[in-house]
Amino acid sequence: MPKMKTHKGTAKRVRITGSGKLRRQQTGLRHRLEKKSSKETRDLSGTTEVAKPDVSRVNRLLGR
């Protein structure tokens, strides 16, 4: 049986923390930024955890 390949699209979007949690960028920071308040833009910056129902699927895509 061949080795399982990492899904590169997912690998570029998700980071694994030291404790093994999955972090991703928040959505909504690509366009229409003039309409959004500075507070909203600040709150959207940074990372957030991958949602619980998606964790097993993302782990499988990453070959974990």
C-alpha atoms as a PDB file:
ATOM      1  CA  MET A   1       0.000   0.000   0.000  1.00  0.00           C
ATOM      2  CA  PRO A   2       1.498   3.395  -0.963  1.00  0.00           C
ATOM      3  CA  LYS A   3       2.182   6.132   1.531  1.00  0.00           C
ATOM      4  CA  MET A   4      -0.613   8.622   2.103  1.00  0.00           C
ATOM      5  CA  LYS A   5       0.116  12.066   0.691  1.00  0.00           C
ATOM      6  CA  THR A   6      -0.436  15.268   2.642  1.00  0.00           C
ATOM      7  CA  HIS A   7      -3.166  17.490   1.164  1.00  0.00           C
ATOM      8  CA  LYS A   8      -1.007  20.491   0.286  1.00  0.00           C
ATOM      9  CA  GLY A   9      -3.921  22.942   0.079  1.00  0.00           C
ATOM     10  CA  THR A  10      -4.818  22.158   3.680  1.00  0.00           C
ATOM     11  CA  ALA A  11      -1.184  22.148   4.812  1.00  0.00           C
ATOM     12  CA  LYS A  12      -0.757  25.727   3.575  1.00  0.00           C
ATOM     13  CA  ARG A  13      -3.828  26.902   5.507  1.00  0.00           C
ATOM     14  CA  VAL A  14      -3.450  25.133   8.851  1.00  0.00           C
ATOM     15  CA  ARG A  15      -0.683  25.223  11.455  1.00  0.00           C
ATOM     16  CA  ILE A  16      -0.159  22.670  14.202  1.00  0.00           C
ATOM     17  CA  THR A  17       0.708  23.999  17.663  1.00  0.00           C
ATOM     18  CA  GLY A  18       3.178  22.364  20.006  1.00  0.00           C
ATOM     19  CA  SER A  19       0.340  20.718  21.918  1.00  0.00           C
ATOM     20  CA  GLY A  20      -1.152  19.385  18.663  1.00  0.00           C
ATOM     21  CA  LYS A  21      -4.048  21.806  18.217  1.00  0.00           C
ATOM     22  CA  LEU A  22      -4.940  23.080  14.749  1.00  0.00           C
ATOM     23  CA  ARG A  23      -4.905  26.835  14.079  1.00  0.00           C
ATOM     24  CA  ARG A  24      -6.183  28.665  10.991  1.00  0.00           C
ATOM     25  CA  GLN A  25      -6.538  32.261   9.783  1.00  0.00           C
ATOM     26  CA  GLN A  26      -9.898  33.898  10.349  1.00  0.00           C
ATOM     27  CA  THR A  27     -12.069  34.630   7.331  1.00  0.00           C
ATOM     28  CA  GLY A  28     -13.134  38.062   6.131  1.00  0.00           C
ATOM     29  CA  LEU A  29      -9.815  39.892   5.716  1.00  0.00           C
ATOM     30  CA  ARG A  30      -9.304  39.639   1.950  1.00  0.00           C
ATOM     31  CA  HIS A  31     -11.515  42.337   0.458  1.00  0.00           C
ATOM     32  CA  ARG A  32     -14.027  45.115   1.314  1.00  0.00           C
ATOM     33  CA  LEU A  33     -11.719  46.296   4.093  1.00  0.00           C
ATOM     34  CA  GLU A  34     -12.709  49.956   3.632  1.00  0.00           C
ATOM     35  CA  LYS A  35     -16.238  49.113   4.766  1.00  0.00           C
ATOM     36  CA  LYS A  36     -15.092  47.306   7.906  1.00  0.00           C
ATOM     37  CA  SER A  37     -14.308  49.224  11.057  1.00  0.00           C
ATOM     38  CA  SER A  38     -10.775  49.212  12.439  1.00  0.00           C
ATOM     39  CA  LYS A  39     -12.054  47.227  15.422  1.00  0.00           C
ATOM     40  CA  GLU A  40     -13.534  44.573  13.147  1.00  0.00           C
ATOM     41  CA  THR A  41     -10.296  44.367  11.155  1.00  0.00           C
ATOM     42  CA  ARG A  42      -8.242  43.989  14.341  1.00  0.00           C
ATOM     43  CA  ASP A  43     -10.576  41.318  15.704  1.00  0.00           C
ATOM     44  CA  LEU A  44     -10.316  39.323  12.461  1.00  0.00           C
ATOM     45  CA  SER A  45      -6.508  39.386  12.430  1.00  0.00           C
ATOM     46  CA  GLY A  46      -4.637  36.543  14.049  1.00  0.00           C
ATOM     47  CA  THR A  47      -5.558  32.887  14.180  1.00  0.00           C
ATOM     48  CA  THR A  48      -8.356  30.791  15.625  1.00  0.00           C
ATOM     49  CA  GLU A  49      -8.784  27.093  16.348  1.00  0.00           C
ATOM     50  CA  VAL A  50     -10.253  24.784  13.736  1.00  0.00           C
ATOM     51  CA  ALA A  51     -13.870  23.932  14.643  1.00  0.00           C
ATOM     52  CA  LYS A  52     -14.326  20.691  16.616  1.00  0.00           C
ATOM     53  CA  PRO A  53     -16.415  18.896  13.945  1.00  0.00           C
ATOM     54  CA  ASP A  54     -13.674  19.598  11.358  1.00  0.00           C
ATOM     55  CA  VAL A  55     -10.648  18.529  13.418  1.00  0.00           C
ATOM     56  CA  SER A  56     -10.726  14.830  12.489  1.00  0.00           C
ATOM     57  CA  ARG A  57     -11.207  15.629   8.795  1.00  0.00           C
ATOM     58  CA  VAL A  58      -8.347  18.155   8.737  1.00  0.00           C
ATOM     59  CA  ASN A  59      -6.065  15.747  10.618  1.00  0.00           C
ATOM     60  CA  ARG A  60      -6.800  13.080   8.010  1.00  0.00           C
ATOM     61  CA  LEU A  61      -5.978  15.526   5.191  1.00  0.00           C
ATOM     62  CA  LEU A  62      -2.684  16.346   6.919  1.00  0.00           C
ATOM     63  CA  GLY A  63      -1.853  12.670   7.241  1.00  0.00           C
ATOM     64  CA  ARG A  64      -2.038  12.639  11.046  1.00  0.00           C
END
